[in-house]
Every structure is written in C-alpha cells, then in structure tokens.
Amino acid sequence: MAESYSVLLSRMVEEFHLGIAYASTDYEKIRLTVADVARPGLQLAGYFDHFEPMRLQVLGNVESSYLDKLTSAERYIVYDRLFSYKFPAILAARGLTPGTELMEMAKKHNVTVLTCPDSTSYIVSSLIAYLKAELAPRITRHGVLMEIYGEGILILGESGIGKSETAVELIKRGHRLIADDAVEIKRVSPTMLMGTAPALIRNYIELRGIGIINVAKLFGVGAVKAENEINLVVNIVPWNTTEVYDRLGLEEQFQDILGVKIPTNTIPVTPGRNLAVILEVAAMNNRQRKMGYNAAKEFTEQINNHYLESARNDL
C-alpha cells in the first residue's frame, strides 16, 4: 500500500502569507491530503454530487457575484449546507471580504476562513503546484546526488566504494552537492523526479578518516544546492573480471524509481580510475542524448558503413 503524505494548513498559510478571517478550534492540527483545490460554484447552486470535501475551497469573483444576487436568508441556507461538509478551509481570493452569512456559518461548523489579495487563477495554480510538490510520493535512497553541468546525477553504490570522496572531487571541480548519504526523492510529475537532502544532514559530507565537513562553509554557498531534478543514475560497482561490461554504450539501461524510468550507467571501478572525470563525461553524454545525439550509434553506423564499403570494393 502506497504511503500517503500531508501538509499542515498553518504551514501553507505562512508560505503564501494568507490572511486568517477565522481560525477553527483545530486550526493548528488541520492537514491537507489532496493535491488539488476547488471552486465551489456548483455547490453554491445546490449540486453536491461528486463533491470532494477533502479539498481546500476557493471563492472568486464568479462565486461572489452569484452570491450577491441571493437574499441574505438564501445565503445562510447555501453556506449552512456547504460548510456542513467540513472541508479543511475556505479561501476568499481577490481581496474579497467574507460576508456576515459566510462568517456565521463558518463559526457554526468550525471551518477556517482565509483571505488573500491575489487573483483567483493565480492563487489556485500556485496552491496546486505547492500541494503537488508537498504531497508527492517519495522514497529515501542511500547515495549521493550531485549537479554536474546542470544534470542531476544520482550516484549509487555499496558503502565505502568512494561515493563521498568522488563528490568532494566534483565539488572542487566546480559542481554542486545536493545530498550525501541519504537522498530524498519525490515524484513531482509522471516523468520527473526531484532529489533533496534531509534537513538534518543538508550540506554535510562524511569522509572516512576525516569526519564530517560542511560543504557550504568549506567551499562556499555556490558549492551546494537545495534540490535538483534527477536526470541520470550512476551505479558504481567493484570491477569484476568475470563480468561483461558494455563498452560501446549501445545498451540503454533504465532504473525504475517511483514509477519513473531514469537512464542508468553502471561504472566499474579499479584503483587509478578517475571517477570524477568519468561522471563529468557521463553527465555531458546524457545531456547530448537528450538533445538527440548518440555517439555510440554514430560510431556503430560508421563501422557498419566502413565494412559495407570494403565489401563492395572486394567485389
């Protein structure tokens, strides 16, 4: 069963600097669990089929103009029924002032009322984007996440193989650290994963024999980044003489993380191999492939054409 996530309503209010016209008695405990918001136009007209009470409700000019055409008694009835569904909160956008009937029914049913000066379309799209990111499915992987030439490279491998040492070498070469040891991965869309570090270990790297270092303070704030899209997974493995490794790069490998397929390279290591340089090349090569150029395929085509041309000359 997939794990579900939630975000405190109070945290979202602080994030968007929303006004609080009325805070319910359980305001500090209210959590949003649905990555969407709703405009209750049909509900104000009395249609509640398929109504989702877990969503934050937003009132804009359309809803306000409709309500203004009703009598005060009718508005009491409309709000009484709407608030009886006990949704997390209702937000009046565009600087609209919640009316007397709305406030009285909100207090009766103990539902939080929020306000904001932003346009309805802007606040709705912003809230949806925020909730999708906060409620996104996520996992934690043991590894290192670096930004190399703009590409997010997730470095995986068994403990002690040299991931953190490679990360320090990459930092000295001008690239940026996102996470060391533990990488929190979120699926923010069907095709995109974002990685970040747990707050407790953000900007820190553990180097065996030296200990914990703070990358931001040792190398400067330009050496770290809060989060980045994951574009490539690199598995670092010990060199095995019995293993057959892809030398041309024709075999496209992918790793499934949270239902998203990420291009993957497996890099065997032996003493003397410069992993930092290899990862730089891997990042640039992955970027080229996304742009439509594949050196391995081009090389194979040249070899095939060479042999075809030689065969013709022999005839």
C-alpha atoms as a PDB file:
ATOM      1  CA  MET A   1       0.000   0.000   0.000  1.00  0.00           C
ATOM      2  CA  ALA A   2       1.407   3.416  -1.014  1.00  0.00           C
ATOM      3  CA  GLU A   3       2.316   5.752   1.826  1.00  0.00           C
ATOM      4  CA  SER A   4       0.260   8.944   1.957  1.00  0.00           C
ATOM      5  CA  TYR A   5       1.546  12.379   2.936  1.00  0.00           C
ATOM      6  CA  SER A   6       0.009  15.571   4.267  1.00  0.00           C
ATOM      7  CA  VAL A   7       0.873  19.213   4.872  1.00  0.00           C
ATOM      8  CA  LEU A   8      -0.283  21.403   7.732  1.00  0.00           C
ATOM      9  CA  LEU A   9      -2.775  24.087   6.727  1.00  0.00           C
ATOM     10  CA  SER A  10      -0.966  26.553   9.017  1.00  0.00           C
ATOM     11  CA  ARG A  11       2.286  25.907   7.168  1.00  0.00           C
ATOM     12  CA  MET A  12       0.634  26.627   3.814  1.00  0.00           C
ATOM     13  CA  VAL A  13      -0.898  29.822   5.238  1.00  0.00           C
ATOM     14  CA  GLU A  14       2.559  31.018   6.295  1.00  0.00           C
ATOM     15  CA  GLU A  15       4.085  30.043   2.938  1.00  0.00           C
ATOM     16  CA  PHE A  16       1.574  32.128   0.945  1.00  0.00           C
ATOM     17  CA  HIS A  17       1.092  34.889   3.555  1.00  0.00           C
ATOM     18  CA  LEU A  18      -2.649  34.292   3.663  1.00  0.00           C
ATOM     19  CA  GLY A  19      -4.919  36.247   5.987  1.00  0.00           C
ATOM     20  CA  ILE A  20      -6.966  34.466   8.645  1.00  0.00           C
ATOM     21  CA  ALA A  21     -10.513  35.816   8.973  1.00  0.00           C
ATOM     22  CA  TYR A  22     -11.498  32.964  11.273  1.00  0.00           C
ATOM     23  CA  ALA A  23      -9.396  30.137  12.697  1.00  0.00           C
ATOM     24  CA  SER A  24     -11.244  26.969  13.673  1.00  0.00           C
ATOM     25  CA  THR A  25     -10.551  25.459  17.073  1.00  0.00           C
ATOM     26  CA  ASP A  26      -8.475  22.708  15.401  1.00  0.00           C
ATOM     27  CA  TYR A  27      -6.666  25.101  13.044  1.00  0.00           C
ATOM     28  CA  GLU A  28      -3.136  24.077  14.130  1.00  0.00           C
ATOM     29  CA  LYS A  29      -3.930  20.393  13.521  1.00  0.00           C
ATOM     30  CA  ILE A  30      -5.663  20.618  10.129  1.00  0.00           C
ATOM     31  CA  ARG A  31      -3.771  18.781   7.394  1.00  0.00           C
ATOM     32  CA  LEU A  32      -4.276  18.899   3.642  1.00  0.00           C
ATOM     33  CA  THR A  33      -4.058  15.479   1.997  1.00  0.00           C
ATOM     34  CA  VAL A  34      -5.297  16.201  -1.548  1.00  0.00           C
ATOM     35  CA  ALA A  35      -3.037  17.894  -4.122  1.00  0.00           C
ATOM     36  CA  ASP A  36      -5.851  19.993  -5.553  1.00  0.00           C
ATOM     37  CA  VAL A  37      -8.195  22.851  -4.687  1.00  0.00           C
ATOM     38  CA  ALA A  38     -11.792  23.511  -5.753  1.00  0.00           C
ATOM     39  CA  ARG A  39     -14.045  26.424  -6.611  1.00  0.00           C
ATOM     40  CA  PRO A  40     -17.496  25.526  -5.206  1.00  0.00           C
ATOM     41  CA  GLY A  41     -19.628  27.138  -7.915  1.00  0.00           C
ATOM     42  CA  LEU A  42     -21.944  24.165  -8.470  1.00  0.00           C
ATOM     43  CA  GLN A  43     -22.151  23.505  -4.740  1.00  0.00           C
ATOM     44  CA  LEU A  44     -23.359  27.057  -4.086  1.00  0.00           C
ATOM     45  CA  ALA A  45     -26.141  26.306  -6.592  1.00  0.00           C
ATOM     46  CA  GLY A  46     -27.036  23.162  -4.639  1.00  0.00           C
ATOM     47  CA  TYR A  47     -25.298  20.431  -6.661  1.00  0.00           C
ATOM     48  CA  PHE A  48     -23.137  18.235  -4.403  1.00  0.00           C
ATOM     49  CA  ASP A  49     -22.733  15.067  -6.484  1.00  0.00           C
ATOM     50  CA  HIS A  50     -19.018  14.130  -6.708  1.00  0.00           C
ATOM     51  CA  PHE A  51     -18.121  16.905  -4.251  1.00  0.00           C
ATOM     52  CA  GLU A  52     -14.665  16.332  -2.706  1.00  0.00           C
ATOM     53  CA  PRO A  53     -14.727  17.664   0.896  1.00  0.00           C
ATOM     54  CA  MET A  54     -11.015  16.999   1.384  1.00  0.00           C
ATOM     55  CA  ARG A  55     -10.086  19.891  -0.922  1.00  0.00           C
ATOM     56  CA  LEU A  56      -9.438  23.490   0.028  1.00  0.00           C
ATOM     57  CA  GLN A  57     -12.319  25.632  -1.323  1.00  0.00           C
ATOM     58  CA  VAL A  58     -11.623  28.935  -3.107  1.00  0.00           C
ATOM     59  CA  LEU A  59     -14.126  31.746  -3.724  1.00  0.00           C
ATOM     60  CA  GLY A  60     -13.512  34.210  -6.548  1.00  0.00           C
ATOM     61  CA  ASN A  61     -15.427  36.896  -8.439  1.00  0.00           C
ATOM     62  CA  VAL A  62     -17.728  34.394 -10.149  1.00  0.00           C
ATOM     63  CA  GLU A  63     -18.880  32.825  -6.895  1.00  0.00           C
ATOM     64  CA  SER A  64     -19.114  36.222  -5.200  1.00  0.00           C
ATOM     65  CA  SER A  65     -21.269  37.761  -7.960  1.00  0.00           C
ATOM     66  CA  TYR A  66     -23.628  34.764  -7.829  1.00  0.00           C
ATOM     67  CA  LEU A  67     -23.982  35.034  -4.052  1.00  0.00           C
ATOM     68  CA  ASP A  68     -24.642  38.779  -4.264  1.00  0.00           C
ATOM     69  CA  LYS A  69     -27.787  38.029  -6.285  1.00  0.00           C
ATOM     70  CA  LEU A  70     -29.221  35.919  -3.440  1.00  0.00           C
ATOM     71  CA  THR A  71     -31.069  37.257  -0.434  1.00  0.00           C
ATOM     72  CA  SER A  72     -29.422  37.128   2.965  1.00  0.00           C
ATOM     73  CA  ALA A  73     -31.729  34.261   4.010  1.00  0.00           C
ATOM     74  CA  GLU A  74     -30.777  32.296   0.892  1.00  0.00           C
ATOM     75  CA  ARG A  75     -27.069  32.854   1.552  1.00  0.00           C
ATOM     76  CA  TYR A  76     -27.488  31.487   5.087  1.00  0.00           C
ATOM     77  CA  ILE A  77     -29.046  28.312   3.637  1.00  0.00           C
ATOM     78  CA  VAL A  78     -26.363  27.956   0.941  1.00  0.00           C
ATOM     79  CA  TYR A  79     -23.448  28.417   3.378  1.00  0.00           C
ATOM     80  CA  ASP A  80     -25.049  26.211   6.018  1.00  0.00           C
ATOM     81  CA  ARG A  81     -25.192  23.300   3.595  1.00  0.00           C
ATOM     82  CA  LEU A  82     -21.728  23.979   2.129  1.00  0.00           C
ATOM     83  CA  PHE A  83     -19.944  24.198   5.486  1.00  0.00           C
ATOM     84  CA  SER A  84     -21.694  21.072   6.776  1.00  0.00           C
ATOM     85  CA  TYR A  85     -19.256  19.058   4.625  1.00  0.00           C
ATOM     86  CA  LYS A  86     -16.428  20.185   6.940  1.00  0.00           C
ATOM     87  CA  PHE A  87     -13.679  20.774   4.334  1.00  0.00           C
ATOM     88  CA  PRO A  88     -10.232  21.955   5.555  1.00  0.00           C
ATOM     89  CA  ALA A  89     -10.786  25.689   4.899  1.00  0.00           C
ATOM     90  CA  ILE A  90     -12.325  28.228   2.538  1.00  0.00           C
ATOM     91  CA  LEU A  91     -10.264  30.972   0.901  1.00  0.00           C
ATOM     92  CA  ALA A  92     -11.677  34.279  -0.362  1.00  0.00           C
ATOM     93  CA  ALA A  93      -9.403  35.443  -3.206  1.00  0.00           C
ATOM     94  CA  ARG A  94      -9.032  38.851  -4.933  1.00  0.00           C
ATOM     95  CA  GLY A  95      -9.205  40.670  -1.616  1.00  0.00           C
ATOM     96  CA  LEU A  96     -12.890  39.786  -1.225  1.00  0.00           C
ATOM     97  CA  THR A  97     -14.291  40.364   2.246  1.00  0.00           C
ATOM     98  CA  PRO A  98     -16.100  37.317   3.654  1.00  0.00           C
ATOM     99  CA  GLY A  99     -19.751  38.286   4.238  1.00  0.00           C
ATOM    100  CA  THR A 100     -21.648  38.088   7.502  1.00  0.00           C
ATOM    101  CA  GLU A 101     -23.516  34.936   6.462  1.00  0.00           C
ATOM    102  CA  LEU A 102     -20.291  33.173   5.487  1.00  0.00           C
ATOM    103  CA  MET A 103     -18.575  34.053   8.762  1.00  0.00           C
ATOM    104  CA  GLU A 104     -21.513  32.979  10.914  1.00  0.00           C
ATOM    105  CA  MET A 105     -21.866  29.599   9.173  1.00  0.00           C
ATOM    106  CA  ALA A 106     -18.094  29.049   9.273  1.00  0.00           C
ATOM    107  CA  LYS A 107     -18.144  29.566  13.048  1.00  0.00           C
ATOM    108  CA  LYS A 108     -21.209  27.365  13.414  1.00  0.00           C
ATOM    109  CA  HIS A 109     -19.481  24.478  11.603  1.00  0.00           C
ATOM    110  CA  ASN A 110     -15.989  25.358  12.890  1.00  0.00           C
ATOM    111  CA  VAL A 111     -14.368  25.815   9.452  1.00  0.00           C
ATOM    112  CA  THR A 112     -11.344  28.080   8.905  1.00  0.00           C
ATOM    113  CA  VAL A 113     -11.805  31.153   6.667  1.00  0.00           C
ATOM    114  CA  LEU A 114      -8.790  32.559   4.830  1.00  0.00           C
ATOM    115  CA  THR A 115      -8.259  35.614   2.624  1.00  0.00           C
ATOM    116  CA  CYS A 116      -5.705  36.770   0.055  1.00  0.00           C
ATOM    117  CA  PRO A 117      -5.350  39.733  -2.370  1.00  0.00           C
ATOM    118  CA  ASP A 118      -4.159  37.622  -5.323  1.00  0.00           C
ATOM    119  CA  SER A 119      -6.263  36.838  -8.383  1.00  0.00           C
ATOM    120  CA  THR A 120      -8.222  33.604  -8.181  1.00  0.00           C
ATOM    121  CA  SER A 121      -6.461  31.911 -11.106  1.00  0.00           C
ATOM    122  CA  TYR A 122      -3.024  32.796  -9.727  1.00  0.00           C
ATOM    123  CA  ILE A 123      -3.639  31.590  -6.184  1.00  0.00           C
ATOM    124  CA  VAL A 124      -5.367  28.408  -7.394  1.00  0.00           C
ATOM    125  CA  SER A 125      -2.487  27.441  -9.715  1.00  0.00           C
ATOM    126  CA  SER A 126       0.108  28.350  -7.074  1.00  0.00           C
ATOM    127  CA  LEU A 127      -1.605  26.316  -4.375  1.00  0.00           C
ATOM    128  CA  ILE A 128      -1.959  23.286  -6.659  1.00  0.00           C
ATOM    129  CA  ALA A 129       1.739  23.428  -7.606  1.00  0.00           C
ATOM    130  CA  TYR A 130       2.702  23.756  -3.928  1.00  0.00           C
ATOM    131  CA  LEU A 131       0.470  20.884  -2.799  1.00  0.00           C
ATOM    132  CA  LYS A 132       1.636  18.589  -5.604  1.00  0.00           C
ATOM    133  CA  ALA A 133       5.229  19.102  -4.503  1.00  0.00           C
ATOM    134  CA  GLU A 134       4.478  18.696  -0.786  1.00  0.00           C
ATOM    135  CA  LEU A 135       2.256  15.624  -1.214  1.00  0.00           C
ATOM    136  CA  ALA A 136       4.327  13.927  -3.914  1.00  0.00           C
ATOM    137  CA  PRO A 137       5.191  10.218  -3.451  1.00  0.00           C
ATOM    138  CA  ARG A 138       8.701   9.889  -2.092  1.00  0.00           C
ATOM    139  CA  ILE A 139      11.409   7.486  -1.016  1.00  0.00           C
ATOM    140  CA  THR A 140      14.875   7.787   0.506  1.00  0.00           C
ATOM    141  CA  ARG A 141      17.868   6.174  -1.193  1.00  0.00           C
ATOM    142  CA  HIS A 142      21.393   5.678   0.137  1.00  0.00           C
ATOM    143  CA  GLY A 143      23.654   7.556  -2.239  1.00  0.00           C
ATOM    144  CA  VAL A 144      24.944  10.943  -3.368  1.00  0.00           C
ATOM    145  CA  LEU A 145      23.157  13.493  -5.548  1.00  0.00           C
ATOM    146  CA  MET A 146      25.266  15.985  -7.487  1.00  0.00           C
ATOM    147  CA  GLU A 147      24.542  18.645 -10.076  1.00  0.00           C
ATOM    148  CA  ILE A 148      27.116  18.212 -12.835  1.00  0.00           C
ATOM    149  CA  TYR A 149      26.925  20.580 -15.822  1.00  0.00           C
ATOM    150  CA  GLY A 150      23.253  21.150 -14.989  1.00  0.00           C
ATOM    151  CA  GLU A 151      22.448  17.423 -14.878  1.00  0.00           C
ATOM    152  CA  GLY A 152      21.240  15.818 -11.655  1.00  0.00           C
ATOM    153  CA  ILE A 153      23.388  12.690 -11.172  1.00  0.00           C
ATOM    154  CA  LEU A 154      22.313  10.182  -8.515  1.00  0.00           C
ATOM    155  CA  ILE A 155      25.402   8.163  -7.522  1.00  0.00           C
ATOM    156  CA  LEU A 156      24.640   4.757  -6.028  1.00  0.00           C
ATOM    157  CA  GLY A 157      26.968   2.027  -4.770  1.00  0.00           C
ATOM    158  CA  GLU A 158      27.825  -0.069  -1.767  1.00  0.00           C
ATOM    159  CA  SER A 159      29.106   1.621   1.378  1.00  0.00           C
ATOM    160  CA  GLY A 160      32.811   2.513   1.253  1.00  0.00           C
ATOM    161  CA  ILE A 161      33.175   2.375  -2.538  1.00  0.00           C
ATOM    162  CA  GLY A 162      34.074   6.071  -2.744  1.00  0.00           C
ATOM    163  CA  LYS A 163      30.864   7.994  -3.451  1.00  0.00           C
ATOM    164  CA  SER A 164      31.553  10.795  -0.960  1.00  0.00           C
ATOM    165  CA  GLU A 165      35.217  11.119  -1.972  1.00  0.00           C
ATOM    166  CA  THR A 166      34.126  11.432  -5.596  1.00  0.00           C
ATOM    167  CA  ALA A 167      31.575  14.072  -4.561  1.00  0.00           C
ATOM    168  CA  VAL A 168      34.326  16.171  -2.926  1.00  0.00           C
ATOM    169  CA  GLU A 169      36.466  15.938  -6.075  1.00  0.00           C
ATOM    170  CA  LEU A 170      33.479  17.062  -8.166  1.00  0.00           C
ATOM    171  CA  ILE A 171      32.839  19.976  -5.797  1.00  0.00           C
ATOM    172  CA  LYS A 172      36.470  21.082  -6.186  1.00  0.00           C
ATOM    173  CA  ARG A 173      35.936  20.964  -9.955  1.00  0.00           C
ATOM    174  CA  GLY A 174      33.065  23.453  -9.669  1.00  0.00           C
ATOM    175  CA  HIS A 175      29.998  21.202  -9.429  1.00  0.00           C
ATOM    176  CA  ARG A 176      27.362  21.311  -6.702  1.00  0.00           C
ATOM    177  CA  LEU A 177      26.265  18.972  -3.915  1.00  0.00           C
ATOM    178  CA  ILE A 178      22.592  18.339  -3.300  1.00  0.00           C
ATOM    179  CA  ALA A 179      22.732  15.387  -0.897  1.00  0.00           C
ATOM    180  CA  ASP A 180      25.236  12.971   0.602  1.00  0.00           C
ATOM    181  CA  ASP A 181      24.500   9.602   2.219  1.00  0.00           C
ATOM    182  CA  ALA A 182      20.686   9.937   2.127  1.00  0.00           C
ATOM    183  CA  VAL A 183      18.769  11.307  -0.852  1.00  0.00           C
ATOM    184  CA  GLU A 184      15.060  12.127  -0.520  1.00  0.00           C
ATOM    185  CA  ILE A 185      13.401  11.550  -3.895  1.00  0.00           C
ATOM    186  CA  LYS A 186       9.965  12.942  -4.835  1.00  0.00           C
ATOM    187  CA  ARG A 187       7.931  12.180  -7.944  1.00  0.00           C
ATOM    188  CA  VAL A 188       6.623  15.630  -8.853  1.00  0.00           C
ATOM    189  CA  SER A 189       5.176  14.546 -12.219  1.00  0.00           C
ATOM    190  CA  PRO A 190       4.747  11.279 -14.147  1.00  0.00           C
ATOM    191  CA  THR A 191       8.131  11.859 -15.807  1.00  0.00           C
ATOM    192  CA  MET A 192      10.128  13.878 -13.261  1.00  0.00           C
ATOM    193  CA  LEU A 193      11.902  13.080 -10.003  1.00  0.00           C
ATOM    194  CA  MET A 194      13.321  15.734  -7.691  1.00  0.00           C
ATOM    195  CA  GLY A 195      16.011  14.961  -5.142  1.00  0.00           C
ATOM    196  CA  THR A 196      16.992  16.777  -1.979  1.00  0.00           C
ATOM    197  CA  ALA A 197      18.733  16.120   1.343  1.00  0.00           C
ATOM    198  CA  PRO A 198      17.065  15.555   4.717  1.00  0.00           C
ATOM    199  CA  ALA A 199      17.174  18.823   6.656  1.00  0.00           C
ATOM    200  CA  LEU A 200      19.406  17.392   9.406  1.00  0.00           C
ATOM    201  CA  ILE A 201      22.270  16.438   7.072  1.00  0.00           C
ATOM    202  CA  ARG A 202      21.881  19.104   4.361  1.00  0.00           C
ATOM    203  CA  ASN A 203      25.257  20.495   3.127  1.00  0.00           C
ATOM    204  CA  TYR A 204      27.239  17.885   5.090  1.00  0.00           C
ATOM    205  CA  ILE A 205      29.534  15.151   3.758  1.00  0.00           C
ATOM    206  CA  GLU A 206      31.113  12.312   5.727  1.00  0.00           C
ATOM    207  CA  LEU A 207      34.688  11.450   4.723  1.00  0.00           C
ATOM    208  CA  ARG A 208      36.175   8.355   6.323  1.00  0.00           C
ATOM    209  CA  GLY A 209      39.363   9.275   8.188  1.00  0.00           C
ATOM    210  CA  ILE A 210      38.464  12.972   8.326  1.00  0.00           C
ATOM    211  CA  GLY A 211      34.906  13.053   9.618  1.00  0.00           C
ATOM    212  CA  ILE A 212      32.006  15.386   8.869  1.00  0.00           C
ATOM    213  CA  ILE A 213      32.590  18.508   6.792  1.00  0.00           C
ATOM    214  CA  ASN A 214      30.218  21.374   5.994  1.00  0.00           C
ATOM    215  CA  VAL A 215      30.494  21.873   2.233  1.00  0.00           C
ATOM    216  CA  ALA A 216      28.783  25.283   2.237  1.00  0.00           C
ATOM    217  CA  LYS A 217      31.219  26.710   4.794  1.00  0.00           C
ATOM    218  CA  LEU A 218      34.336  24.973   3.480  1.00  0.00           C
ATOM    219  CA  PHE A 219      33.825  25.558  -0.259  1.00  0.00           C
ATOM    220  CA  GLY A 220      31.254  28.399  -0.227  1.00  0.00           C
ATOM    221  CA  VAL A 221      27.494  28.530  -0.756  1.00  0.00           C
ATOM    222  CA  GLY A 222      27.990  28.177  -4.504  1.00  0.00           C
ATOM    223  CA  ALA A 223      29.059  24.558  -3.922  1.00  0.00           C
ATOM    224  CA  VAL A 224      25.643  23.426  -2.671  1.00  0.00           C
ATOM    225  CA  LYS A 225      22.088  23.358  -3.980  1.00  0.00           C
ATOM    226  CA  ALA A 226      18.812  22.666  -2.170  1.00  0.00           C
ATOM    227  CA  GLU A 227      17.269  20.326  -4.766  1.00  0.00           C
ATOM    228  CA  ASN A 228      17.609  19.195  -8.352  1.00  0.00           C
ATOM    229  CA  GLU A 229      15.881  17.038 -10.922  1.00  0.00           C
ATOM    230  CA  ILE A 230      17.362  13.538 -11.208  1.00  0.00           C
ATOM    231  CA  ASN A 231      18.437  13.043 -14.837  1.00  0.00           C
ATOM    232  CA  LEU A 232      20.810  10.083 -14.575  1.00  0.00           C
ATOM    233  CA  VAL A 233      21.546   7.240 -12.158  1.00  0.00           C
ATOM    234  CA  VAL A 234      25.145   6.014 -11.937  1.00  0.00           C
ATOM    235  CA  ASN A 235      25.757   2.677 -10.242  1.00  0.00           C
ATOM    236  CA  ILE A 236      29.369   2.366  -9.047  1.00  0.00           C
ATOM    237  CA  VAL A 237      30.405  -1.278  -8.711  1.00  0.00           C
ATOM    238  CA  PRO A 238      33.737  -3.032  -7.955  1.00  0.00           C
ATOM    239  CA  TRP A 239      35.486  -4.261 -11.100  1.00  0.00           C
ATOM    240  CA  ASN A 240      34.757  -7.940 -11.709  1.00  0.00           C
ATOM    241  CA  THR A 241      36.927  -9.736 -14.257  1.00  0.00           C
ATOM    242  CA  THR A 242      34.169 -12.285 -14.887  1.00  0.00           C
ATOM    243  CA  GLU A 243      31.586  -9.600 -15.668  1.00  0.00           C
ATOM    244  CA  VAL A 244      30.963  -8.393 -19.223  1.00  0.00           C
ATOM    245  CA  TYR A 245      30.569  -4.605 -19.396  1.00  0.00           C
ATOM    246  CA  ASP A 246      29.021  -2.619 -22.235  1.00  0.00           C
ATOM    247  CA  ARG A 247      31.980  -0.967 -23.967  1.00  0.00           C
ATOM    248  CA  LEU A 248      30.111   0.899 -26.676  1.00  0.00           C
ATOM    249  CA  GLY A 249      27.159   2.266 -24.749  1.00  0.00           C
ATOM    250  CA  LEU A 250      24.564   0.861 -27.136  1.00  0.00           C
ATOM    251  CA  GLU A 251      22.613  -0.884 -24.401  1.00  0.00           C
ATOM    252  CA  GLU A 252      20.304   1.708 -22.856  1.00  0.00           C
ATOM    253  CA  GLN A 253      19.723   0.924 -19.206  1.00  0.00           C
ATOM    254  CA  PHE A 254      16.969   2.389 -17.051  1.00  0.00           C
ATOM    255  CA  GLN A 255      16.150   2.253 -13.368  1.00  0.00           C
ATOM    256  CA  ASP A 256      12.571   2.460 -12.170  1.00  0.00           C
ATOM    257  CA  ILE A 257      12.184   4.837  -9.225  1.00  0.00           C
ATOM    258  CA  LEU A 258       8.645   5.587  -8.056  1.00  0.00           C
ATOM    259  CA  GLY A 259       7.336   4.539 -11.452  1.00  0.00           C
ATOM    260  CA  VAL A 260       9.669   6.862 -13.398  1.00  0.00           C
ATOM    261  CA  LYS A 261      12.314   5.321 -15.673  1.00  0.00           C
ATOM    262  CA  ILE A 262      15.658   7.106 -15.272  1.00  0.00           C
ATOM    263  CA  PRO A 263      18.617   6.471 -17.643  1.00  0.00           C
ATOM    264  CA  THR A 264      21.285   4.451 -15.842  1.00  0.00           C
ATOM    265  CA  ASN A 265      25.024   3.838 -16.263  1.00  0.00           C
ATOM    266  CA  THR A 266      26.968   1.102 -14.474  1.00  0.00           C
ATOM    267  CA  ILE A 267      30.586   2.115 -13.889  1.00  0.00           C
ATOM    268  CA  PRO A 268      33.097  -0.499 -12.637  1.00  0.00           C
ATOM    269  CA  VAL A 269      35.899   0.944 -10.505  1.00  0.00           C
ATOM    270  CA  THR A 270      39.514  -0.098 -10.054  1.00  0.00           C
ATOM    271  CA  PRO A 271      42.451   1.759  -8.479  1.00  0.00           C
ATOM    272  CA  GLY A 272      43.536   4.566 -10.775  1.00  0.00           C
ATOM    273  CA  ARG A 273      40.193   5.294 -12.422  1.00  0.00           C
ATOM    274  CA  ASN A 274      39.279   8.964 -12.034  1.00  0.00           C
ATOM    275  CA  LEU A 275      35.602   8.730 -11.104  1.00  0.00           C
ATOM    276  CA  ALA A 276      35.074  12.497 -11.060  1.00  0.00           C
ATOM    277  CA  VAL A 277      36.151  12.851 -14.690  1.00  0.00           C
ATOM    278  CA  ILE A 278      34.110   9.798 -15.701  1.00  0.00           C
ATOM    279  CA  LEU A 279      30.996  11.260 -14.057  1.00  0.00           C
ATOM    280  CA  GLU A 280      31.550  14.588 -15.819  1.00  0.00           C
ATOM    281  CA  VAL A 281      31.669  12.760 -19.136  1.00  0.00           C
ATOM    282  CA  ALA A 282      28.592  10.708 -18.193  1.00  0.00           C
ATOM    283  CA  ALA A 283      26.674  13.918 -17.430  1.00  0.00           C
ATOM    284  CA  MET A 284      27.660  15.581 -20.710  1.00  0.00           C
ATOM    285  CA  ASN A 285      26.926  12.405 -22.679  1.00  0.00           C
ATOM    286  CA  ASN A 286      23.480  12.115 -21.081  1.00  0.00           C
ATOM    287  CA  ARG A 287      22.774  15.738 -21.957  1.00  0.00           C
ATOM    288  CA  GLN A 288      23.780  15.112 -25.576  1.00  0.00           C
ATOM    289  CA  ARG A 289      21.489  12.089 -25.780  1.00  0.00           C
ATOM    290  CA  LYS A 290      18.559  14.186 -24.567  1.00  0.00           C
ATOM    291  CA  MET A 291      19.367  16.639 -27.344  1.00  0.00           C
ATOM    292  CA  GLY A 292      19.197  13.814 -29.909  1.00  0.00           C
ATOM    293  CA  TYR A 293      22.877  12.951 -30.410  1.00  0.00           C
ATOM    294  CA  ASN A 294      24.143   9.427 -29.599  1.00  0.00           C
ATOM    295  CA  ALA A 295      27.886   8.918 -30.128  1.00  0.00           C
ATOM    296  CA  ALA A 296      27.647   5.128 -29.746  1.00  0.00           C
ATOM    297  CA  LYS A 297      25.052   4.831 -32.512  1.00  0.00           C
ATOM    298  CA  GLU A 298      27.024   7.191 -34.766  1.00  0.00           C
ATOM    299  CA  PHE A 299      30.204   5.166 -34.218  1.00  0.00           C
ATOM    300  CA  THR A 300      28.386   1.880 -34.933  1.00  0.00           C
ATOM    301  CA  GLU A 301      26.938   3.309 -38.145  1.00  0.00           C
ATOM    302  CA  GLN A 302      30.396   4.419 -39.268  1.00  0.00           C
ATOM    303  CA  ILE A 303      31.819   0.933 -38.608  1.00  0.00           C
ATOM    304  CA  ASN A 304      28.952  -0.709 -40.493  1.00  0.00           C
ATOM    305  CA  ASN A 305      29.352   1.685 -43.421  1.00  0.00           C
ATOM    306  CA  HIS A 306      33.092   1.008 -43.475  1.00  0.00           C
ATOM    307  CA  TYR A 307      32.586  -2.760 -43.743  1.00  0.00           C
ATOM    308  CA  LEU A 308      29.857  -2.326 -46.378  1.00  0.00           C
ATOM    309  CA  GLU A 309      32.179  -0.119 -48.415  1.00  0.00           C
ATOM    310  CA  SER A 310      35.028  -2.632 -48.053  1.00  0.00           C
ATOM    311  CA  ALA A 311      32.729  -5.452 -49.165  1.00  0.00           C
ATOM    312  CA  ARG A 312      31.740  -3.514 -52.284  1.00  0.00           C
ATOM    313  CA  ASN A 313      35.379  -2.830 -53.169  1.00  0.00           C
ATOM    314  CA  ASP A 314      36.230  -6.541 -52.858  1.00  0.00           C
ATOM    315  CA  LEU A 315      33.576  -7.487 -55.423  1.00  0.00           C
END
